[in-house]
Amino acid sequence: MPPRFDTIIVLGAAVRRDGSPSPALRRRVVRGVAAFHAGLAQSMIVTGGFGRHPPTEAEAMAALAREMGVPEPAIVAERCARNTHESARYCAALMRRRGWRRALIVTDGWHLPRSLLAFRAYGIQGQGESAGGGRDEVGYRLWLNYLGRETLGYAWYALRLRRRLLGLAPQED
């Protein structure tokens, strides 16, 4: 049976001061690698640029994915994106250059709606896969903070990307 997706896209999160992945970054990579090993795609894009601490989120994720058995040639590192919108834009360009259209987007559950909206705006047929990040995992206060931020973020993205979502903006590389 052929893979269901052209690629798996794992969205970045913070890198700790010592260069190690934050819990959010680790759980996203773990879920993405599980999908890869399940045969859902033959490649994995890890996306995220520099945050507060080096290395880039993509480099930290690629190293972790390699440790978990994903072969180097299957990993594509997008090292420039500073936010979800840029991840969607840059990953969509990478995918178009390879002739890919379908992606499994891996991020925390509270982050999925806005992420899928952004990828759809850039022409990617995406399906979401939650890496967790629920109330019991991150605590009620932090989860509520994420939920509030994402509600506002979704509205902002819908406004910002409305021309693309309506097909009124050209695709870019």
C-alpha atoms as a PDB file:
ATOM      1  CA  MET A   1       0.000   0.000   0.000  1.00  0.00           C
ATOM      2  CA  PRO A   2       1.480   3.416  -0.951  1.00  0.00           C
ATOM      3  CA  PRO A   3       1.955   6.087   1.728  1.00  0.00           C
ATOM      4  CA  ARG A   4      -1.115   8.208   2.441  1.00  0.00           C
ATOM      5  CA  PHE A   5       0.870  11.459   2.472  1.00  0.00           C
ATOM      6  CA  ASP A   6       3.710  12.929   0.445  1.00  0.00           C
ATOM      7  CA  THR A   7       5.399  14.038   3.651  1.00  0.00           C
ATOM      8  CA  ILE A   8       4.978  14.511   7.374  1.00  0.00           C
ATOM      9  CA  ILE A   9       5.519  18.075   8.597  1.00  0.00           C
ATOM     10  CA  VAL A  10       6.540  18.487  12.216  1.00  0.00           C
ATOM     11  CA  LEU A  11       6.090  22.038  13.480  1.00  0.00           C
ATOM     12  CA  GLY A  12       8.708  23.499  15.772  1.00  0.00           C
ATOM     13  CA  ALA A  13       8.630  24.596  19.394  1.00  0.00           C
ATOM     14  CA  ALA A  14      11.231  25.957  21.786  1.00  0.00           C
ATOM     15  CA  VAL A  15      14.775  24.718  22.164  1.00  0.00           C
ATOM     16  CA  ARG A  16      16.105  24.890  25.734  1.00  0.00           C
ATOM     17  CA  ARG A  17      19.102  26.940  26.818  1.00  0.00           C
ATOM     18  CA  ASP A  18      21.320  23.818  26.731  1.00  0.00           C
ATOM     19  CA  GLY A  19      20.248  23.087  23.122  1.00  0.00           C
ATOM     20  CA  SER A  20      17.959  20.206  24.038  1.00  0.00           C
ATOM     21  CA  PRO A  21      14.353  19.975  22.830  1.00  0.00           C
ATOM     22  CA  SER A  22      11.602  21.361  25.048  1.00  0.00           C
ATOM     23  CA  PRO A  23       8.867  18.904  26.081  1.00  0.00           C
ATOM     24  CA  ALA A  24       6.597  20.270  23.319  1.00  0.00           C
ATOM     25  CA  LEU A  25       9.291  19.892  20.665  1.00  0.00           C
ATOM     26  CA  ARG A  26      10.093  16.363  21.834  1.00  0.00           C
ATOM     27  CA  ARG A  27       6.462  15.169  21.838  1.00  0.00           C
ATOM     28  CA  ARG A  28       5.908  16.603  18.334  1.00  0.00           C
ATOM     29  CA  VAL A  29       8.960  14.789  16.968  1.00  0.00           C
ATOM     30  CA  VAL A  30       8.005  11.557  18.751  1.00  0.00           C
ATOM     31  CA  ARG A  31       4.545  11.676  17.130  1.00  0.00           C
ATOM     32  CA  GLY A  32       5.971  12.562  13.703  1.00  0.00           C
ATOM     33  CA  VAL A  33       8.511   9.744  13.882  1.00  0.00           C
ATOM     34  CA  ALA A  34       5.776   7.284  14.892  1.00  0.00           C
ATOM     35  CA  ALA A  35       3.776   8.321  11.810  1.00  0.00           C
ATOM     36  CA  PHE A  36       6.890   7.915   9.657  1.00  0.00           C
ATOM     37  CA  HIS A  37       7.601   4.433  11.024  1.00  0.00           C
ATOM     38  CA  ALA A  38       3.922   3.541  10.486  1.00  0.00           C
ATOM     39  CA  GLY A  39       4.520   4.181   6.773  1.00  0.00           C
ATOM     40  CA  LEU A  40       2.245   7.218   6.431  1.00  0.00           C
ATOM     41  CA  ALA A  41       4.926   9.012   4.365  1.00  0.00           C
ATOM     42  CA  GLN A  42       8.451   8.395   3.137  1.00  0.00           C
ATOM     43  CA  SER A  43       9.783  11.796   4.147  1.00  0.00           C
ATOM     44  CA  MET A  44       9.572  14.221   7.029  1.00  0.00           C
ATOM     45  CA  ILE A  45       9.907  18.000   6.991  1.00  0.00           C
ATOM     46  CA  VAL A  46      10.968  19.520  10.306  1.00  0.00           C
ATOM     47  CA  THR A  47      10.373  23.241  10.439  1.00  0.00           C
ATOM     48  CA  GLY A  48      11.573  26.001  12.717  1.00  0.00           C
ATOM     49  CA  GLY A  49      14.304  28.615  12.810  1.00  0.00           C
ATOM     50  CA  PHE A  50      16.289  30.150  15.643  1.00  0.00           C
ATOM     51  CA  GLY A  51      14.434  30.934  18.846  1.00  0.00           C
ATOM     52  CA  ARG A  52      16.021  32.143  22.057  1.00  0.00           C
ATOM     53  CA  HIS A  53      18.686  29.444  22.055  1.00  0.00           C
ATOM     54  CA  PRO A  54      20.613  27.579  19.351  1.00  0.00           C
ATOM     55  CA  PRO A  55      20.410  25.335  17.448  1.00  0.00           C
ATOM     56  CA  THR A  56      17.458  26.002  15.153  1.00  0.00           C
ATOM     57  CA  GLU A  57      14.286  24.131  16.038  1.00  0.00           C
ATOM     58  CA  ALA A  58      14.626  22.189  12.771  1.00  0.00           C
ATOM     59  CA  GLU A  59      18.182  21.091  13.602  1.00  0.00           C
ATOM     60  CA  ALA A  60      17.143  19.932  17.074  1.00  0.00           C
ATOM     61  CA  MET A  61      14.193  18.016  15.593  1.00  0.00           C
ATOM     62  CA  ALA A  62      16.280  16.459  12.812  1.00  0.00           C
ATOM     63  CA  ALA A  63      18.841  15.198  15.349  1.00  0.00           C
ATOM     64  CA  LEU A  64      16.097  13.686  17.500  1.00  0.00           C
ATOM     65  CA  ALA A  65      14.408  12.085  14.467  1.00  0.00           C
ATOM     66  CA  ARG A  66      17.732  10.528  13.407  1.00  0.00           C
ATOM     67  CA  GLU A  67      18.229   9.159  16.940  1.00  0.00           C
ATOM     68  CA  MET A  68      14.773   7.590  16.650  1.00  0.00           C
ATOM     69  CA  GLY A  69      15.631   5.799  13.403  1.00  0.00           C
ATOM     70  CA  VAL A  70      14.532   8.149  10.616  1.00  0.00           C
ATOM     71  CA  PRO A  71      17.184   7.928   7.874  1.00  0.00           C
ATOM     72  CA  GLU A  72      19.006  11.163   7.022  1.00  0.00           C
ATOM     73  CA  PRO A  73      17.818  11.221   3.365  1.00  0.00           C
ATOM     74  CA  ALA A  74      14.182  11.156   4.534  1.00  0.00           C
ATOM     75  CA  ILE A  75      14.560  14.324   6.639  1.00  0.00           C
ATOM     76  CA  VAL A  76      14.118  17.774   5.104  1.00  0.00           C
ATOM     77  CA  ALA A  77      15.045  20.594   7.503  1.00  0.00           C
ATOM     78  CA  GLU A  78      13.395  23.989   6.985  1.00  0.00           C
ATOM     79  CA  ARG A  79      15.524  26.240   9.224  1.00  0.00           C
ATOM     80  CA  CYS A  80      14.136  29.733   8.572  1.00  0.00           C
ATOM     81  CA  ALA A  81      10.529  29.869   9.813  1.00  0.00           C
ATOM     82  CA  ARG A  82       9.947  31.980  12.917  1.00  0.00           C
ATOM     83  CA  ASN A  83       6.240  31.236  13.319  1.00  0.00           C
ATOM     84  CA  THR A  84       3.412  29.024  12.064  1.00  0.00           C
ATOM     85  CA  HIS A  85       2.607  31.269   9.103  1.00  0.00           C
ATOM     86  CA  GLU A  86       6.209  31.173   7.887  1.00  0.00           C
ATOM     87  CA  SER A  87       6.353  27.404   8.402  1.00  0.00           C
ATOM     88  CA  ALA A  88       3.316  27.003   6.156  1.00  0.00           C
ATOM     89  CA  ARG A  89       4.723  29.337   3.526  1.00  0.00           C
ATOM     90  CA  TYR A  90       8.237  27.858   3.445  1.00  0.00           C
ATOM     91  CA  CYS A  91       7.125  24.223   3.683  1.00  0.00           C
ATOM     92  CA  ALA A  92       4.584  24.750   0.887  1.00  0.00           C
ATOM     93  CA  ALA A  93       7.374  26.097  -1.344  1.00  0.00           C
ATOM     94  CA  LEU A  94       9.579  23.086  -0.495  1.00  0.00           C
ATOM     95  CA  MET A  95       6.701  20.758  -1.269  1.00  0.00           C
ATOM     96  CA  ARG A  96       5.850  22.406  -4.600  1.00  0.00           C
ATOM     97  CA  ARG A  97       9.477  22.086  -5.744  1.00  0.00           C
ATOM     98  CA  ARG A  98       9.254  18.341  -5.054  1.00  0.00           C
ATOM     99  CA  GLY A  99       5.800  17.914  -6.587  1.00  0.00           C
ATOM    100  CA  TRP A 100       4.221  17.118  -3.207  1.00  0.00           C
ATOM    101  CA  ARG A 101       0.710  18.238  -2.222  1.00  0.00           C
ATOM    102  CA  ARG A 102      -0.478  16.102   0.714  1.00  0.00           C
ATOM    103  CA  ALA A 103       0.969  16.423   4.203  1.00  0.00           C
ATOM    104  CA  LEU A 104       0.334  15.140   7.677  1.00  0.00           C
ATOM    105  CA  ILE A 105       0.812  18.174   9.943  1.00  0.00           C
ATOM    106  CA  VAL A 106       2.051  17.253  13.437  1.00  0.00           C
ATOM    107  CA  THR A 107       1.783  19.728  16.304  1.00  0.00           C
ATOM    108  CA  ASP A 108       0.056  20.075  19.662  1.00  0.00           C
ATOM    109  CA  GLY A 109      -3.717  19.624  19.539  1.00  0.00           C
ATOM    110  CA  TRP A 110      -4.512  23.198  20.543  1.00  0.00           C
ATOM    111  CA  HIS A 111      -2.272  24.431  17.690  1.00  0.00           C
ATOM    112  CA  LEU A 112      -3.769  22.265  14.923  1.00  0.00           C
ATOM    113  CA  PRO A 113      -6.729  24.425  13.738  1.00  0.00           C
ATOM    114  CA  ARG A 114      -4.573  27.504  13.064  1.00  0.00           C
ATOM    115  CA  SER A 115      -1.793  25.397  11.543  1.00  0.00           C
ATOM    116  CA  LEU A 116      -4.152  23.616   9.149  1.00  0.00           C
ATOM    117  CA  LEU A 117      -5.688  26.961   8.148  1.00  0.00           C
ATOM    118  CA  ALA A 118      -2.242  28.354   7.295  1.00  0.00           C
ATOM    119  CA  PHE A 119      -1.189  25.302   5.284  1.00  0.00           C
ATOM    120  CA  ARG A 120      -4.510  25.277   3.401  1.00  0.00           C
ATOM    121  CA  ALA A 121      -3.958  28.944   2.504  1.00  0.00           C
ATOM    122  CA  TYR A 122      -0.680  27.927   0.826  1.00  0.00           C
ATOM    123  CA  GLY A 123      -2.290  25.131  -1.176  1.00  0.00           C
ATOM    124  CA  ILE A 124      -1.297  22.152   0.974  1.00  0.00           C
ATOM    125  CA  GLN A 125      -3.825  19.386   1.455  1.00  0.00           C
ATOM    126  CA  GLY A 126      -3.154  18.844   5.113  1.00  0.00           C
ATOM    127  CA  GLN A 127      -4.499  16.569   7.757  1.00  0.00           C
ATOM    128  CA  GLY A 128      -3.657  17.158  11.391  1.00  0.00           C
ATOM    129  CA  GLU A 129      -2.132  14.812  13.916  1.00  0.00           C
ATOM    130  CA  SER A 130      -2.121  15.850  17.567  1.00  0.00           C
ATOM    131  CA  ALA A 131       1.088  15.345  19.486  1.00  0.00           C
ATOM    132  CA  GLY A 132      -0.711  15.985  22.747  1.00  0.00           C
ATOM    133  CA  GLY A 133      -0.332  19.144  24.768  1.00  0.00           C
ATOM    134  CA  GLY A 134      -3.722  18.742  26.405  1.00  0.00           C
ATOM    135  CA  ARG A 135      -4.917  20.117  29.717  1.00  0.00           C
ATOM    136  CA  ASP A 136      -3.729  17.127  31.738  1.00  0.00           C
ATOM    137  CA  GLU A 137      -0.309  17.213  30.081  1.00  0.00           C
ATOM    138  CA  VAL A 138       0.575  20.912  30.366  1.00  0.00           C
ATOM    139  CA  GLY A 139      -1.642  21.979  33.269  1.00  0.00           C
ATOM    140  CA  TYR A 140      -4.939  23.816  33.286  1.00  0.00           C
ATOM    141  CA  ARG A 141      -3.572  27.394  33.375  1.00  0.00           C
ATOM    142  CA  LEU A 142      -1.075  26.934  30.556  1.00  0.00           C
ATOM    143  CA  TRP A 143      -3.618  25.030  28.464  1.00  0.00           C
ATOM    144  CA  LEU A 144      -6.147  27.869  28.946  1.00  0.00           C
ATOM    145  CA  ASN A 145      -3.476  30.371  27.924  1.00  0.00           C
ATOM    146  CA  TYR A 146      -2.729  28.363  24.769  1.00  0.00           C
ATOM    147  CA  LEU A 147      -6.409  28.060  23.954  1.00  0.00           C
ATOM    148  CA  GLY A 148      -6.993  31.800  24.309  1.00  0.00           C
ATOM    149  CA  ARG A 149      -3.933  32.641  22.239  1.00  0.00           C
ATOM    150  CA  GLU A 150      -4.937  30.189  19.522  1.00  0.00           C
ATOM    151  CA  THR A 151      -8.511  31.514  19.348  1.00  0.00           C
ATOM    152  CA  LEU A 152      -7.208  35.029  18.709  1.00  0.00           C
ATOM    153  CA  GLY A 153      -4.486  33.687  16.407  1.00  0.00           C
ATOM    154  CA  TYR A 154      -6.992  31.750  14.320  1.00  0.00           C
ATOM    155  CA  ALA A 155      -9.116  34.862  13.805  1.00  0.00           C
ATOM    156  CA  TRP A 156      -6.018  36.886  12.870  1.00  0.00           C
ATOM    157  CA  TYR A 157      -4.822  34.216  10.395  1.00  0.00           C
ATOM    158  CA  ALA A 158      -8.281  33.968   8.830  1.00  0.00           C
ATOM    159  CA  LEU A 159      -8.222  37.723   8.199  1.00  0.00           C
ATOM    160  CA  ARG A 160      -4.582  37.822   7.122  1.00  0.00           C
ATOM    161  CA  LEU A 161      -4.865  34.851   4.765  1.00  0.00           C
ATOM    162  CA  ARG A 162      -8.409  35.423   3.449  1.00  0.00           C
ATOM    163  CA  ARG A 163      -7.261  36.292  -0.110  1.00  0.00           C
ATOM    164  CA  ARG A 164      -5.238  33.076  -0.303  1.00  0.00           C
ATOM    165  CA  LEU A 165      -8.032  31.006   1.202  1.00  0.00           C
ATOM    166  CA  LEU A 166     -10.442  32.405  -1.385  1.00  0.00           C
ATOM    167  CA  GLY A 167      -8.002  31.682  -4.214  1.00  0.00           C
ATOM    168  CA  LEU A 168      -7.406  35.372  -4.961  1.00  0.00           C
ATOM    169  CA  ALA A 169      -3.645  35.406  -4.308  1.00  0.00           C
ATOM    170  CA  PRO A 170      -1.030  33.778  -6.566  1.00  0.00           C
ATOM    171  CA  GLN A 171       1.011  30.817  -5.369  1.00  0.00           C
ATOM    172  CA  GLU A 172       4.627  31.691  -4.648  1.00  0.00           C
ATOM    173  CA  ASP A 173       7.873  29.757  -4.398  1.00  0.00           C
END
